[in-house]
Amino acid sequence: MAEPDSPEKTDLEGSIVLITGGARRIGETIARHLHGHGARLLVHYHTNAENAQRMQWQLNAIRPDSVEIIQGDFRDIAQFKIDLRHAIHRLGRLDCLINNASRFYPTPISSTGDEQWNDLIGTNLMAPFFLSQATAPYLKINHGSIINIADIYAQRPLPEYSVYSASKAGLVSLTRSLAWELGPEIRVNAIAPGAILWPDHDIDEIARQRIVSKTALKQVGNPSDIAKAALFLMTSADYITGQILNVDGGRSILFGS
């Protein structure tokens, strides 16, 4: 994915942003967009080292020493917190944490075990909590912010994705709780994407069209829509905290109908 052709902006010049799962899909788009607005990045990845290194090389070619990458397995969150503190100390500050890393797959109640439960809850809910805990002392210094990437299925669960839906509902609740607990120094908000990118696993064309038909705008969104929302919450939302911004083409309007 190429850097935007427009000249680099400087809204975020001097800011350092940590984004988890920032080497692919929506996370990569957010990372590149914020870099294009002047941010320095600390990009977390789990297994996709090749993508992370490629993006680091590309963005550092545009602006030297503007991107660092950090590997981490959230199954060992204690070790990752240690590595993260070392990275933040080296960079000198932190202005925003974006909890983007996420796991998504079905968990039918008849066949789901504790391994799937721990994987989904650990990545989608536990990690954002403990990363918020680890970064809060640094974010407070510069009145920074936390942005959690939730999901519209936090509002109405997706059938057979009960653990995923529960993890995202928990993340929404965590967003509101931390907004109160960490204010006034830190703002905490969430973005809830709708149909932005299709899952890595197969979804047939009929299912895709059914999802699109339930949006008010009758179209699929773009990862850049999420990136623009993140930029807004970072730069233009000084009096907004504890809020969930649905970026879903109006799909959630019909929830419950």
Protein backbone atom coordinates (compact mmCIF):
# COMPACT_ATOMS: atom_id res chain seq x y z
CA MET A 1 0.00 0.00 0.00
CA ALA A 2 1.57 3.23 -1.13
CA GLU A 3 1.92 6.43 0.86
CA PRO A 4 -0.62 9.08 -0.26
CA ASP A 5 0.54 11.19 -3.18
CA SER A 6 -0.40 14.46 -1.48
CA PRO A 7 2.38 16.36 0.31
CA GLU A 8 2.99 15.27 3.88
CA LYS A 9 1.01 17.25 6.43
CA THR A 10 2.26 18.16 9.89
CA ASP A 11 -0.84 17.97 12.14
CA LEU A 12 0.93 15.35 14.25
CA GLU A 13 4.50 16.57 13.99
CA GLY A 14 6.37 15.64 17.16
CA SER A 15 3.74 13.10 18.22
CA ILE A 16 4.54 9.44 18.78
CA VAL A 17 1.81 6.88 18.19
CA LEU A 18 1.81 3.22 19.22
CA ILE A 19 -0.48 1.09 17.08
CA THR A 20 -0.95 -2.61 17.74
CA GLY A 21 -1.43 -4.91 14.77
CA GLY A 22 -0.18 -2.06 12.62
CA ALA A 23 1.49 -4.07 9.86
CA ARG A 24 -1.57 -5.22 7.92
CA ARG A 25 -5.16 -4.49 6.92
CA ILE A 26 -6.82 -1.60 8.77
CA GLY A 27 -3.89 -1.19 11.16
CA GLU A 28 -1.48 -0.60 8.30
CA THR A 29 -3.79 1.96 6.72
CA ILE A 30 -4.08 3.84 10.02
CA ALA A 31 -0.32 3.77 10.47
CA ARG A 32 0.41 5.10 6.99
CA HIS A 33 -2.26 7.79 7.28
CA LEU A 34 -0.98 9.11 10.61
CA HIS A 35 2.60 9.00 9.31
CA GLY A 36 1.43 11.10 6.38
CA HIS A 37 0.27 13.70 8.90
CA GLY A 38 3.65 13.91 10.61
CA ALA A 39 3.44 11.30 13.36
CA ARG A 40 6.32 9.09 14.40
CA LEU A 41 5.19 5.50 14.77
CA LEU A 42 5.87 2.56 17.03
CA VAL A 43 4.23 -0.29 15.12
CA HIS A 44 3.49 -3.56 16.88
CA TYR A 45 3.22 -6.81 14.98
CA HIS A 46 2.84 -10.42 16.07
CA THR A 47 3.91 -12.74 13.24
CA ASN A 48 3.92 -10.58 10.11
CA ALA A 49 7.54 -9.43 10.32
CA GLU A 50 7.93 -9.15 6.55
CA ASN A 51 5.06 -6.66 6.21
CA ALA A 52 6.21 -4.70 9.26
CA GLN A 53 9.78 -4.43 7.99
CA ARG A 54 8.63 -3.43 4.51
CA MET A 55 6.42 -0.66 5.86
CA GLN A 56 9.19 0.53 8.19
CA TRP A 57 11.63 0.72 5.27
CA GLN A 58 9.14 2.53 3.02
CA LEU A 59 8.12 5.14 5.59
CA ASN A 60 11.65 5.73 6.87
CA ALA A 61 12.67 6.38 3.27
CA ILE A 62 10.15 9.22 3.26
CA ARG A 63 11.10 10.52 6.71
CA PRO A 64 14.21 9.00 8.32
CA ASP A 65 13.87 7.45 11.79
CA SER A 66 10.12 8.03 11.83
CA VAL A 67 9.04 4.40 12.29
CA GLU A 68 10.11 1.71 14.74
CA ILE A 69 8.61 -1.76 14.90
CA ILE A 70 8.14 -3.99 17.93
CA GLN A 71 7.24 -7.68 17.95
CA GLY A 72 4.93 -8.96 20.63
CA ASP A 73 2.81 -11.99 21.50
CA PHE A 74 -0.15 -10.98 23.65
CA ARG A 75 -0.20 -14.47 25.17
CA ASP A 76 2.81 -13.19 27.12
CA ILE A 77 1.55 -9.70 27.86
CA ALA A 78 3.93 -9.27 30.81
CA GLN A 79 7.00 -9.62 28.59
CA PHE A 80 5.53 -7.35 25.94
CA LYS A 81 4.90 -4.64 28.54
CA ILE A 82 8.59 -4.80 29.50
CA ASP A 83 9.69 -4.53 25.86
CA LEU A 84 7.21 -1.71 25.31
CA ARG A 85 8.50 0.35 28.22
CA HIS A 86 12.04 0.06 26.87
CA ALA A 87 10.85 1.26 23.45
CA ILE A 88 8.96 4.23 24.89
CA HIS A 89 11.92 5.25 27.02
CA ARG A 90 14.10 5.13 23.92
CA LEU A 91 11.65 7.27 21.94
CA GLY A 92 11.23 9.72 24.80
CA ARG A 93 7.45 10.14 24.84
CA LEU A 94 4.09 8.69 23.80
CA ASP A 95 1.05 10.64 22.64
CA CYS A 96 -1.45 8.03 21.50
CA LEU A 97 -2.14 4.32 21.93
CA ILE A 98 -4.27 2.70 19.23
CA ASN A 99 -5.47 -0.75 20.31
CA ASN A 100 -6.09 -2.15 16.85
CA ALA A 101 -4.81 -5.75 17.01
CA SER A 102 -7.74 -8.14 16.85
CA ARG A 103 -8.71 -11.75 16.28
CA PHE A 104 -11.91 -12.70 14.42
CA TYR A 105 -13.35 -16.14 13.74
CA PRO A 106 -16.53 -18.08 14.56
CA THR A 107 -16.96 -19.83 17.91
CA PRO A 108 -20.07 -22.04 17.82
CA ILE A 109 -20.97 -22.96 21.38
CA SER A 110 -21.02 -26.66 20.50
CA SER A 111 -17.36 -26.77 19.48
CA THR A 112 -15.52 -23.88 21.16
CA GLY A 113 -12.93 -24.59 23.82
CA ASP A 114 -10.92 -22.55 26.28
CA GLU A 115 -8.12 -22.08 23.74
CA GLN A 116 -10.37 -20.07 21.43
CA TRP A 117 -11.87 -18.19 24.38
CA ASN A 118 -8.45 -17.21 25.72
CA ASP A 119 -7.21 -16.25 22.26
CA LEU A 120 -10.11 -13.92 21.44
CA ILE A 121 -10.57 -12.42 24.90
CA GLY A 122 -6.81 -12.14 25.36
CA THR A 123 -6.16 -10.26 22.13
CA ASN A 124 -9.36 -8.23 21.86
CA LEU A 125 -9.94 -7.26 25.50
CA MET A 126 -7.17 -8.24 27.91
CA ALA A 127 -4.35 -6.76 25.82
CA PRO A 128 -6.05 -3.34 25.40
CA PHE A 129 -6.58 -3.16 29.16
CA PHE A 130 -3.00 -3.98 30.10
CA LEU A 131 -1.51 -1.85 27.32
CA SER A 132 -3.63 1.07 28.51
CA GLN A 133 -2.34 0.41 32.01
CA ALA A 134 1.27 0.28 30.81
CA THR A 135 1.10 3.41 28.66
CA ALA A 136 -1.08 5.63 30.87
CA PRO A 137 1.85 7.16 32.82
CA TYR A 138 3.44 8.31 29.55
CA LEU A 139 0.20 9.46 27.93
CA LYS A 140 -0.68 11.59 30.98
CA ILE A 141 2.47 13.68 30.56
CA ASN A 142 1.33 15.05 27.20
CA HIS A 143 -2.45 14.79 27.69
CA GLY A 144 -2.55 12.02 25.12
CA SER A 145 -5.31 9.69 24.03
CA ILE A 146 -6.27 6.05 23.63
CA ILE A 147 -8.26 4.82 20.63
CA ASN A 148 -9.74 1.33 20.72
CA ILE A 149 -10.84 -0.34 17.51
CA ALA A 150 -14.11 -2.03 18.48
CA ASP A 151 -16.86 -3.32 16.16
CA ILE A 152 -20.53 -2.65 15.49
CA TYR A 153 -21.12 -6.25 16.63
CA ALA A 154 -20.42 -5.06 20.16
CA GLN A 155 -23.96 -3.62 19.97
CA ARG A 156 -25.69 -6.63 18.43
CA PRO A 157 -23.83 -9.95 18.53
CA LEU A 158 -23.01 -11.77 15.32
CA PRO A 159 -24.49 -15.30 15.38
CA GLU A 160 -21.89 -18.01 16.03
CA TYR A 161 -19.29 -15.33 16.85
CA SER A 162 -20.32 -15.11 20.49
CA VAL A 163 -16.81 -14.90 21.97
CA TYR A 164 -15.66 -12.30 19.43
CA SER A 165 -18.82 -10.25 19.98
CA ALA A 166 -18.42 -10.48 23.75
CA SER A 167 -14.79 -9.39 23.52
CA LYS A 168 -15.73 -6.29 21.53
CA ALA A 169 -18.65 -5.50 23.84
CA GLY A 170 -16.16 -5.68 26.68
CA LEU A 171 -13.85 -3.33 24.80
CA VAL A 172 -16.67 -0.81 24.44
CA SER A 173 -17.33 -0.97 28.18
CA LEU A 174 -13.60 -0.69 28.86
CA THR A 175 -13.44 2.42 26.67
CA ARG A 176 -16.11 4.16 28.74
CA SER A 177 -14.68 3.02 32.06
CA LEU A 178 -11.15 4.15 31.24
CA ALA A 179 -12.38 7.48 29.88
CA TRP A 180 -13.72 8.24 33.35
CA GLU A 181 -10.79 6.74 35.23
CA LEU A 182 -8.01 8.32 33.15
CA GLY A 183 -9.59 11.74 32.67
CA PRO A 184 -8.89 14.59 32.60
CA GLU A 185 -5.34 13.90 31.42
CA ILE A 186 -6.15 11.16 28.87
CA ARG A 187 -9.08 10.92 26.46
CA VAL A 188 -10.31 7.41 25.62
CA ASN A 189 -12.58 6.70 22.65
CA ALA A 190 -13.36 3.83 20.31
CA ILE A 191 -14.07 3.41 16.62
CA ALA A 192 -16.60 0.73 15.65
CA PRO A 193 -16.11 -0.30 12.01
CA GLY A 194 -18.87 -1.88 9.97
CA ALA A 195 -18.28 -3.48 6.57
CA ILE A 196 -14.81 -2.13 5.81
CA LEU A 197 -12.66 -5.12 4.84
CA TRP A 198 -13.98 -8.61 4.29
CA PRO A 199 -12.54 -11.24 6.66
CA ASP A 200 -9.48 -13.24 5.68
CA HIS A 201 -11.61 -16.39 5.61
CA ASP A 202 -14.05 -16.91 2.75
CA ILE A 203 -17.35 -15.06 2.56
CA ASP A 204 -19.48 -15.63 -0.52
CA GLU A 205 -20.82 -12.90 -2.81
CA ILE A 206 -24.42 -13.39 -1.68
CA ALA A 207 -23.43 -12.82 1.94
CA ARG A 208 -21.44 -9.74 0.95
CA GLN A 209 -24.36 -8.23 -0.93
CA ARG A 210 -26.70 -8.96 1.98
CA ILE A 211 -24.38 -7.05 4.32
CA VAL A 212 -24.04 -4.11 1.92
CA SER A 213 -27.82 -3.94 1.45
CA LYS A 214 -28.22 -3.31 5.18
CA THR A 215 -26.15 -0.11 5.07
CA ALA A 216 -27.78 3.26 4.50
CA LEU A 217 -25.07 4.18 1.99
CA LYS A 218 -25.34 0.86 0.10
CA GLN A 219 -21.60 0.40 -0.18
CA VAL A 220 -18.59 -1.08 1.57
CA GLY A 221 -16.35 1.31 3.45
CA ASN A 222 -12.63 1.77 3.00
CA PRO A 223 -9.87 1.29 5.59
CA SER A 224 -9.04 4.96 5.03
CA ASP A 225 -12.40 5.81 6.62
CA ILE A 226 -11.15 4.29 9.87
CA ALA A 227 -7.79 6.04 9.53
CA LYS A 228 -9.50 9.41 9.06
CA ALA A 229 -11.65 8.77 12.13
CA ALA A 230 -8.53 8.00 14.16
CA LEU A 231 -6.90 11.23 12.98
CA PHE A 232 -10.03 13.16 13.96
CA LEU A 233 -10.06 11.65 17.45
CA MET A 234 -6.39 12.50 17.88
CA THR A 235 -6.37 16.05 16.56
CA SER A 236 -9.87 17.55 16.56
CA ALA A 237 -11.73 16.01 19.48
CA ASP A 238 -10.43 17.80 22.56
CA TYR A 239 -13.84 17.65 24.29
CA ILE A 240 -14.74 14.10 23.25
CA THR A 241 -14.06 11.13 25.51
CA GLY A 242 -15.81 7.87 26.34
CA GLN A 243 -17.52 7.79 22.95
CA ILE A 244 -17.95 5.05 20.35
CA LEU A 245 -17.74 6.36 16.79
CA ASN A 246 -19.56 4.03 14.39
CA VAL A 247 -17.98 4.06 10.94
CA ASP A 248 -20.41 1.70 9.25
CA GLY A 249 -22.26 3.45 6.43
CA GLY A 250 -25.32 3.68 8.66
CA ARG A 251 -25.68 -0.06 9.18
CA SER A 252 -26.15 0.22 12.94
CA ILE A 253 -29.22 2.44 12.40
CA LEU A 254 -31.19 -0.72 11.68
CA PHE A 255 -29.87 -2.72 14.62
CA GLY A 256 -32.82 -3.93 16.62
CA SER A 257 -35.28 -3.45 13.77
